[in-house]
Each structure stands twice: as structure tokens, then as C-alpha cells.
Amino acid sequence: MKEWFRYVQRLVLVFLGCVALVAGGCDETDTRNKVDDTVEEMAGKKNLDRYKQMKDDLGEIQTQQTKKYRQLKEDADEK
């Protein structure tokens, strides 16, 4: 199992190295942007960004729900 993992790890590193070499030869063009996009996807950066965005969104939703709950509780206490 460890040998398989090391093989895959080396393969990914070689792939990312090749992508970096290709990206180094590109200037700010569509090709460069596509390569950067692919590297970010392969490295997991996009998934991490999506996770952080969802976490922020859930925190905001929780804050809104807490405010609504407190307001409902205050309204019920007034009656």
C-alpha cells in the first residue's frame, strides 16, 4: 500500500512539475490562465477556497438565525 501511495505521489509531483514548466513559458494569456486554473484544481486550492466560502456562508446563516431567534424570544417575552 505504501509503495502504491509513493508511486502516485511521485506521479502527481512529476505532473505538477511539468505543468509548472509549461506555465513558466506562458505570459498573461488565456493559456497561462488555463494552466494556473488546472494547477490550482489539481493541488486542491480550489476545493479549499470552496470549503472556506461555505464555512463563511454557514457562519453568516447561523448568525442570522441567532438574531431571528432572539427577536422571536423578545417578542414572545413582551406579550
PDB file of N, CA and C in Angstrom:
ATOM      1  N   MET A   1       0.837  -1.194   0.000  1.00  0.00           N
ATOM      2  CA  MET A   1       0.000   0.000   0.000  1.00  0.00           C
ATOM      3  C   MET A   1       0.872   1.244   0.000  1.00  0.00           C
ATOM      4  N   LYS A   2       1.932   1.245   0.817  1.00  0.00           N
ATOM      5  CA  LYS A   2       2.806   2.407   0.876  1.00  0.00           C
ATOM      6  C   LYS A   2       3.517   2.619  -0.462  1.00  0.00           C
ATOM      7  N   GLU A   3       3.888   1.538  -1.118  1.00  0.00           N
ATOM      8  CA  GLU A   3       4.563   1.660  -2.403  1.00  0.00           C
ATOM      9  C   GLU A   3       3.634   2.295  -3.439  1.00  0.00           C
ATOM     10  N   TRP A   4       2.391   1.892  -3.427  1.00  0.00           N
ATOM     11  CA  TRP A   4       1.407   2.453  -4.355  1.00  0.00           C
ATOM     12  C   TRP A   4       1.215   3.943  -4.097  1.00  0.00           C
ATOM     13  N   PHE A   5       1.122   4.312  -2.820  1.00  0.00           N
ATOM     14  CA  PHE A   5       0.941   5.720  -2.454  1.00  0.00           C
ATOM     15  C   PHE A   5       2.147   6.535  -2.899  1.00  0.00           C
ATOM     16  N   ARG A   6       3.334   6.029  -2.674  1.00  0.00           N
ATOM     17  CA  ARG A   6       4.545   6.741  -3.096  1.00  0.00           C
ATOM     18  C   ARG A   6       4.580   6.890  -4.616  1.00  0.00           C
ATOM     19  N   TYR A   7       4.165   5.851  -5.335  1.00  0.00           N
ATOM     20  CA  TYR A   7       4.138   5.911  -6.796  1.00  0.00           C
ATOM     21  C   TYR A   7       3.186   7.015  -7.255  1.00  0.00           C
ATOM     22  N   VAL A   8       2.008   7.057  -6.685  1.00  0.00           N
ATOM     23  CA  VAL A   8       1.015   8.076  -7.049  1.00  0.00           C
ATOM     24  C   VAL A   8       1.524   9.463  -6.661  1.00  0.00           C
ATOM     25  N   GLN A   9       2.141   9.557  -5.506  1.00  0.00           N
ATOM     26  CA  GLN A   9       2.673  10.834  -5.052  1.00  0.00           C
ATOM     27  C   GLN A   9       3.750  11.344  -6.016  1.00  0.00           C
ATOM     28  N   ARG A  10       4.644  10.482  -6.427  1.00  0.00           N
ATOM     29  CA  ARG A  10       5.689  10.873  -7.370  1.00  0.00           C
ATOM     30  C   ARG A  10       5.087  11.252  -8.717  1.00  0.00           C
ATOM     31  N   LEU A  11       4.091  10.503  -9.144  1.00  0.00           N
ATOM     32  CA  LEU A  11       3.436  10.801 -10.409  1.00  0.00           C
ATOM     33  C   LEU A  11       2.793  12.184 -10.382  1.00  0.00           C
ATOM     34  N   VAL A  12       2.125  12.518  -9.296  1.00  0.00           N
ATOM     35  CA  VAL A  12       1.488  13.830  -9.146  1.00  0.00           C
ATOM     36  C   VAL A  12       2.552  14.927  -9.126  1.00  0.00           C
ATOM     37  N   LEU A  13       3.645  14.697  -8.416  1.00  0.00           N
ATOM     38  CA  LEU A  13       4.716  15.691  -8.365  1.00  0.00           C
ATOM     39  C   LEU A  13       5.334  15.917  -9.738  1.00  0.00           C
ATOM     40  N   VAL A  14       5.531  14.854 -10.500  1.00  0.00           N
ATOM     41  CA  VAL A  14       6.067  14.995 -11.848  1.00  0.00           C
ATOM     42  C   VAL A  14       5.082  15.762 -12.725  1.00  0.00           C
ATOM     43  N   PHE A  15       3.810  15.441 -12.603  1.00  0.00           N
ATOM     44  CA  PHE A  15       2.785  16.139 -13.375  1.00  0.00           C
ATOM     45  C   PHE A  15       2.764  17.629 -13.035  1.00  0.00           C
ATOM     46  N   LEU A  16       2.786  17.941 -11.746  1.00  0.00           N
ATOM     47  CA  LEU A  16       2.767  19.343 -11.336  1.00  0.00           C
ATOM     48  C   LEU A  16       4.042  20.062 -11.780  1.00  0.00           C
ATOM     49  N   GLY A  17       5.168  19.354 -11.766  1.00  0.00           N
ATOM     50  CA  GLY A  17       6.412  19.937 -12.258  1.00  0.00           C
ATOM     51  C   GLY A  17       6.331  20.268 -13.730  1.00  0.00           C
ATOM     52  N   CYS A  18       5.759  19.351 -14.510  1.00  0.00           N
ATOM     53  CA  CYS A  18       5.593  19.598 -15.948  1.00  0.00           C
ATOM     54  C   CYS A  18       4.659  20.772 -16.198  1.00  0.00           C
ATOM     55  N   VAL A  19       3.599  20.834 -15.445  1.00  0.00           N
ATOM     56  CA  VAL A  19       2.652  21.937 -15.584  1.00  0.00           C
ATOM     57  C   VAL A  19       3.339  23.253 -15.222  1.00  0.00           C
ATOM     58  N   ALA A  20       4.170  23.232 -14.184  1.00  0.00           N
ATOM     59  CA  ALA A  20       4.885  24.450 -13.786  1.00  0.00           C
ATOM     60  C   ALA A  20       5.847  24.897 -14.880  1.00  0.00           C
ATOM     61  N   LEU A  21       6.511  23.944 -15.523  1.00  0.00           N
ATOM     62  CA  LEU A  21       7.417  24.301 -16.615  1.00  0.00           C
ATOM     63  C   LEU A  21       6.658  24.902 -17.792  1.00  0.00           C
ATOM     64  N   VAL A  22       5.518  24.319 -18.107  1.00  0.00           N
ATOM     65  CA  VAL A  22       4.704  24.849 -19.201  1.00  0.00           C
ATOM     66  C   VAL A  22       4.191  26.235 -18.830  1.00  0.00           C
ATOM     67  N   ALA A  23       3.777  26.397 -17.592  1.00  0.00           N
ATOM     68  CA  ALA A  23       3.243  27.680 -17.146  1.00  0.00           C
ATOM     69  C   ALA A  23       4.324  28.744 -17.133  1.00  0.00           C
ATOM     70  N   GLY A  24       5.541  28.361 -16.870  1.00  0.00           N
ATOM     71  CA  GLY A  24       6.638  29.322 -16.851  1.00  0.00           C
ATOM     72  C   GLY A  24       6.893  29.937 -18.208  1.00  0.00           C
ATOM     73  N   GLY A  25       6.583  29.215 -19.259  1.00  0.00           N
ATOM     74  CA  GLY A  25       6.794  29.726 -20.599  1.00  0.00           C
ATOM     75  C   GLY A  25       5.661  30.571 -21.121  1.00  0.00           C
ATOM     76  N   CYS A  26       4.587  30.642 -20.404  1.00  0.00           N
ATOM     77  CA  CYS A  26       3.413  31.403 -20.855  1.00  0.00           C
ATOM     78  C   CYS A  26       3.370  32.752 -20.155  1.00  0.00           C
ATOM     79  N   ASP A  27       2.981  33.762 -20.898  1.00  0.00           N
ATOM     80  CA  ASP A  27       2.761  35.070 -20.296  1.00  0.00           C
ATOM     81  C   ASP A  27       1.285  35.183 -19.937  1.00  0.00           C
ATOM     82  N   GLU A  28       0.859  36.353 -19.524  1.00  0.00           N
ATOM     83  CA  GLU A  28      -0.527  36.556 -19.116  1.00  0.00           C
ATOM     84  C   GLU A  28      -1.463  36.392 -20.313  1.00  0.00           C
ATOM     85  N   THR A  29      -1.684  35.158 -20.665  1.00  0.00           N
ATOM     86  CA  THR A  29      -2.566  34.848 -21.778  1.00  0.00           C
ATOM     87  C   THR A  29      -3.628  33.893 -21.296  1.00  0.00           C
ATOM     88  N   ASP A  30      -4.527  33.541 -22.200  1.00  0.00           N
ATOM     89  CA  ASP A  30      -5.561  32.573 -21.853  1.00  0.00           C
ATOM     90  C   ASP A  30      -4.944  31.228 -21.500  1.00  0.00           C
ATOM     91  N   THR A  31      -3.869  30.864 -22.210  1.00  0.00           N
ATOM     92  CA  THR A  31      -3.206  29.590 -21.939  1.00  0.00           C
ATOM     93  C   THR A  31      -2.648  29.582 -20.528  1.00  0.00           C
ATOM     94  N   ARG A  32      -2.026  30.665 -20.132  1.00  0.00           N
ATOM     95  CA  ARG A  32      -1.451  30.757 -18.787  1.00  0.00           C
ATOM     96  C   ARG A  32      -2.552  30.661 -17.748  1.00  0.00           C
ATOM     97  N   ASN A  33      -3.648  31.348 -17.972  1.00  0.00           N
ATOM     98  CA  ASN A  33      -4.760  31.309 -17.027  1.00  0.00           C
ATOM     99  C   ASN A  33      -5.342  29.901 -16.912  1.00  0.00           C
ATOM    100  N   LYS A  34      -5.453  29.208 -18.036  1.00  0.00           N
ATOM    101  CA  LYS A  34      -5.967  27.838 -18.007  1.00  0.00           C
ATOM    102  C   LYS A  34      -5.018  26.911 -17.252  1.00  0.00           C
ATOM    103  N   VAL A  35      -3.716  27.101 -17.471  1.00  0.00           N
ATOM    104  CA  VAL A  35      -2.725  26.275 -16.775  1.00  0.00           C
ATOM    105  C   VAL A  35      -2.777  26.549 -15.280  1.00  0.00           C
ATOM    106  N   ASP A  36      -2.831  27.817 -14.897  1.00  0.00           N
ATOM    107  CA  ASP A  36      -2.920  28.170 -13.482  1.00  0.00           C
ATOM    108  C   ASP A  36      -4.179  27.581 -12.858  1.00  0.00           C
ATOM    109  N   ASP A  37      -5.276  27.650 -13.587  1.00  0.00           N
ATOM    110  CA  ASP A  37      -6.538  27.100 -13.119  1.00  0.00           C
ATOM    111  C   ASP A  37      -6.423  25.595 -12.895  1.00  0.00           C
ATOM    112  N   THR A  38      -5.779  24.905 -13.839  1.00  0.00           N
ATOM    113  CA  THR A  38      -5.599  23.454 -13.727  1.00  0.00           C
ATOM    114  C   THR A  38      -4.715  23.104 -12.542  1.00  0.00           C
ATOM    115  N   VAL A  39      -3.638  23.855 -12.358  1.00  0.00           N
ATOM    116  CA  VAL A  39      -2.728  23.586 -11.238  1.00  0.00           C
ATOM    117  C   VAL A  39      -3.448  23.790  -9.909  1.00  0.00           C
ATOM    118  N   GLU A  40      -4.223  24.856  -9.800  1.00  0.00           N
ATOM    119  CA  GLU A  40      -4.971  25.105  -8.571  1.00  0.00           C
ATOM    120  C   GLU A  40      -5.974  23.985  -8.304  1.00  0.00           C
ATOM    121  N   GLU A  41      -6.607  23.499  -9.347  1.00  0.00           N
ATOM    122  CA  GLU A  41      -7.571  22.406  -9.195  1.00  0.00           C
ATOM    123  C   GLU A  41      -6.868  21.129  -8.742  1.00  0.00           C
ATOM    124  N   MET A  42      -5.736  20.817  -9.374  1.00  0.00           N
ATOM    125  CA  MET A  42      -5.004  19.593  -9.039  1.00  0.00           C
ATOM    126  C   MET A  42      -4.394  19.665  -7.636  1.00  0.00           C
ATOM    127  N   ALA A  43      -3.957  20.840  -7.233  1.00  0.00           N
ATOM    128  CA  ALA A  43      -3.326  20.999  -5.923  1.00  0.00           C
ATOM    129  C   ALA A  43      -4.361  21.065  -4.800  1.00  0.00           C
ATOM    130  N   GLY A  44      -5.620  21.231  -5.145  1.00  0.00           N
ATOM    131  CA  GLY A  44      -6.671  21.267  -4.139  1.00  0.00           C
ATOM    132  C   GLY A  44      -6.981  22.663  -3.629  1.00  0.00           C
ATOM    133  N   LYS A  45      -6.339  23.669  -4.197  1.00  0.00           N
ATOM    134  CA  LYS A  45      -6.575  25.037  -3.729  1.00  0.00           C
ATOM    135  C   LYS A  45      -8.017  25.465  -3.962  1.00  0.00           C
ATOM    136  N   LYS A  46      -8.569  25.081  -5.087  1.00  0.00           N
ATOM    137  CA  LYS A  46      -9.957  25.479  -5.374  1.00  0.00           C
ATOM    138  C   LYS A  46     -10.921  24.841  -4.373  1.00  0.00           C
ATOM    139  N   ASN A  47     -10.678  23.580  -4.047  1.00  0.00           N
ATOM    140  CA  ASN A  47     -11.544  22.921  -3.065  1.00  0.00           C
ATOM    141  C   ASN A  47     -11.421  23.591  -1.700  1.00  0.00           C
ATOM    142  N   LEU A  48     -10.208  23.989  -1.343  1.00  0.00           N
ATOM    143  CA  LEU A  48     -10.001  24.681  -0.082  1.00  0.00           C
ATOM    144  C   LEU A  48     -10.716  26.027  -0.080  1.00  0.00           C
ATOM    145  N   ASP A  49     -10.645  26.746  -1.188  1.00  0.00           N
ATOM    146  CA  ASP A  49     -11.353  28.022  -1.295  1.00  0.00           C
ATOM    147  C   ASP A  49     -12.861  27.823  -1.190  1.00  0.00           C
ATOM    148  N   ARG A  50     -13.374  26.770  -1.845  1.00  0.00           N
ATOM    149  CA  ARG A  50     -14.817  26.474  -1.756  1.00  0.00           C
ATOM    150  C   ARG A  50     -15.218  26.141  -0.327  1.00  0.00           C
ATOM    151  N   TYR A  51     -14.359  25.367   0.361  1.00  0.00           N
ATOM    152  CA  TYR A  51     -14.630  24.998   1.751  1.00  0.00           C
ATOM    153  C   TYR A  51     -14.685  26.252   2.628  1.00  0.00           C
ATOM    154  N   LYS A  52     -13.711  27.155   2.452  1.00  0.00           N
ATOM    155  CA  LYS A  52     -13.687  28.380   3.250  1.00  0.00           C
ATOM    156  C   LYS A  52     -14.921  29.230   2.975  1.00  0.00           C
ATOM    157  N   GLN A  53     -15.341  29.309   1.705  1.00  0.00           N
ATOM    158  CA  GLN A  53     -16.531  30.087   1.358  1.00  0.00           C
ATOM    159  C   GLN A  53     -17.781  29.485   1.999  1.00  0.00           C
ATOM    160  N   MET A  54     -17.906  28.154   1.942  1.00  0.00           N
ATOM    161  CA  MET A  54     -19.059  27.501   2.564  1.00  0.00           C
ATOM    162  C   MET A  54     -19.045  27.711   4.072  1.00  0.00           C
ATOM    163  N   LYS A  55     -17.876  27.649   4.680  1.00  0.00           N
ATOM    164  CA  LYS A  55     -17.757  27.851   6.124  1.00  0.00           C
ATOM    165  C   LYS A  55     -18.189  29.271   6.490  1.00  0.00           C
ATOM    166  N   ASP A  56     -17.748  30.254   5.699  1.00  0.00           N
ATOM    167  CA  ASP A  56     -18.158  31.634   5.944  1.00  0.00           C
ATOM    168  C   ASP A  56     -19.660  31.799   5.761  1.00  0.00           C
ATOM    169  N   ASP A  57     -20.198  31.189   4.710  1.00  0.00           N
ATOM    170  CA  ASP A  57     -21.642  31.273   4.452  1.00  0.00           C
ATOM    171  C   ASP A  57     -22.435  30.648   5.595  1.00  0.00           C
ATOM    172  N   LEU A  58     -21.991  29.493   6.078  1.00  0.00           N
ATOM    173  CA  LEU A  58     -22.690  28.834   7.182  1.00  0.00           C
ATOM    174  C   LEU A  58     -22.610  29.668   8.458  1.00  0.00           C
ATOM    175  N   GLY A  59     -21.476  30.307   8.695  1.00  0.00           N
ATOM    176  CA  GLY A  59     -21.350  31.188   9.856  1.00  0.00           C
ATOM    177  C   GLY A  59     -22.308  32.360   9.770  1.00  0.00           C
ATOM    178  N   GLU A  60     -22.446  32.920   8.565  1.00  0.00           N
ATOM    179  CA  GLU A  60     -23.373  34.033   8.363  1.00  0.00           C
ATOM    180  C   GLU A  60     -24.814  33.581   8.558  1.00  0.00           C
ATOM    181  N   ILE A  61     -25.154  32.418   8.045  1.00  0.00           N
ATOM    182  CA  ILE A  61     -26.505  31.874   8.214  1.00  0.00           C
ATOM    183  C   ILE A  61     -26.799  31.643   9.691  1.00  0.00           C
ATOM    184  N   GLN A  62     -25.821  31.100  10.400  1.00  0.00           N
ATOM    185  CA  GLN A  62     -26.010  30.844  11.829  1.00  0.00           C
ATOM    186  C   GLN A  62     -26.223  32.155  12.582  1.00  0.00           C
ATOM    187  N   THR A  63     -25.476  33.178  12.230  1.00  0.00           N
ATOM    188  CA  THR A  63     -25.638  34.488  12.869  1.00  0.00           C
ATOM    189  C   THR A  63     -27.030  35.047  12.611  1.00  0.00           C
ATOM    190  N   GLN A  64     -27.501  34.931  11.371  1.00  0.00           N
ATOM    191  CA  GLN A  64     -28.841  35.421  11.031  1.00  0.00           C
ATOM    192  C   GLN A  64     -29.912  34.659  11.797  1.00  0.00           C
ATOM    193  N   GLN A  65     -29.753  33.350  11.899  1.00  0.00           N
ATOM    194  CA  GLN A  65     -30.738  32.555  12.630  1.00  0.00           C
ATOM    195  C   GLN A  65     -30.740  32.892  14.118  1.00  0.00           C
ATOM    196  N   THR A  66     -29.567  33.157  14.666  1.00  0.00           N
ATOM    197  CA  THR A  66     -29.483  33.532  16.072  1.00  0.00           C
ATOM    198  C   THR A  66     -30.203  34.853  16.313  1.00  0.00           C
ATOM    199  N   LYS A  67     -30.012  35.816  15.402  1.00  0.00           N
ATOM    200  CA  LYS A  67     -30.688  37.107  15.534  1.00  0.00           C
ATOM    201  C   LYS A  67     -32.200  36.928  15.463  1.00  0.00           C
ATOM    202  N   LYS A  68     -32.655  36.109  14.516  1.00  0.00           N
ATOM    203  CA  LYS A  68     -34.101  35.881  14.390  1.00  0.00           C
ATOM    204  C   LYS A  68     -34.662  35.197  15.627  1.00  0.00           C
ATOM    205  N   TYR A  69     -33.923  34.232  16.164  1.00  0.00           N
ATOM    206  CA  TYR A  69     -34.380  33.523  17.365  1.00  0.00           C
ATOM    207  C   TYR A  69     -34.486  34.481  18.541  1.00  0.00           C
ATOM    208  N   ARG A  70     -33.476  35.338  18.705  1.00  0.00           N
ATOM    209  CA  ARG A  70     -33.504  36.307  19.809  1.00  0.00           C
ATOM    210  C   ARG A  70     -34.664  37.272  19.648  1.00  0.00           C
ATOM    211  N   GLN A  71     -34.918  37.706  18.403  1.00  0.00           N
ATOM    212  CA  GLN A  71     -36.023  38.631  18.160  1.00  0.00           C
ATOM    213  C   GLN A  71     -37.358  37.951  18.471  1.00  0.00           C
ATOM    214  N   LEU A  72     -37.523  36.711  18.073  1.00  0.00           N
ATOM    215  CA  LEU A  72     -38.764  35.975  18.359  1.00  0.00           C
ATOM    216  C   LEU A  72     -38.932  35.804  19.872  1.00  0.00           C
ATOM    217  N   LYS A  73     -37.845  35.539  20.554  1.00  0.00           N
ATOM    218  CA  LYS A  73     -37.900  35.349  22.001  1.00  0.00           C
ATOM    219  C   LYS A  73     -38.274  36.666  22.683  1.00  0.00           C
ATOM    220  N   GLU A  74     -37.699  37.773  22.219  1.00  0.00           N
ATOM    221  CA  GLU A  74     -38.038  39.084  22.794  1.00  0.00           C
ATOM    222  C   GLU A  74     -39.503  39.416  22.533  1.00  0.00           C
ATOM    223  N   ASP A  75     -39.986  39.118  21.341  1.00  0.00           N
ATOM    224  CA  ASP A  75     -41.397  39.381  21.010  1.00  0.00           C
ATOM    225  C   ASP A  75     -42.322  38.540  21.880  1.00  0.00           C
ATOM    226  N   ALA A  76     -41.933  37.303  22.137  1.00  0.00           N
ATOM    227  CA  ALA A  76     -42.756  36.424  22.969  1.00  0.00           C
ATOM    228  C   ALA A  76     -42.734  36.875  24.423  1.00  0.00           C
ATOM    229  N   ASP A  77     -41.607  37.404  24.888  1.00  0.00           N
ATOM    230  CA  ASP A  77     -41.498  37.877  26.267  1.00  0.00           C
ATOM    231  C   ASP A  77     -42.322  39.144  26.496  1.00  0.00           C
ATOM    232  N   GLU A  78     -42.473  39.955  25.446  1.00  0.00           N
ATOM    233  CA  GLU A  78     -43.235  41.183  25.555  1.00  0.00           C
ATOM    234  C   GLU A  78     -44.726  40.911  25.712  1.00  0.00           C
ATOM    235  N   LYS A  79     -45.195  39.812  25.175  1.00  0.00           N
ATOM    236  CA  LYS A  79     -46.634  39.502  25.220  1.00  0.00           C
ATOM    237  C   LYS A  79     -47.008  38.934  26.506  1.00  0.00           C
TER     238      LYS A  79
END
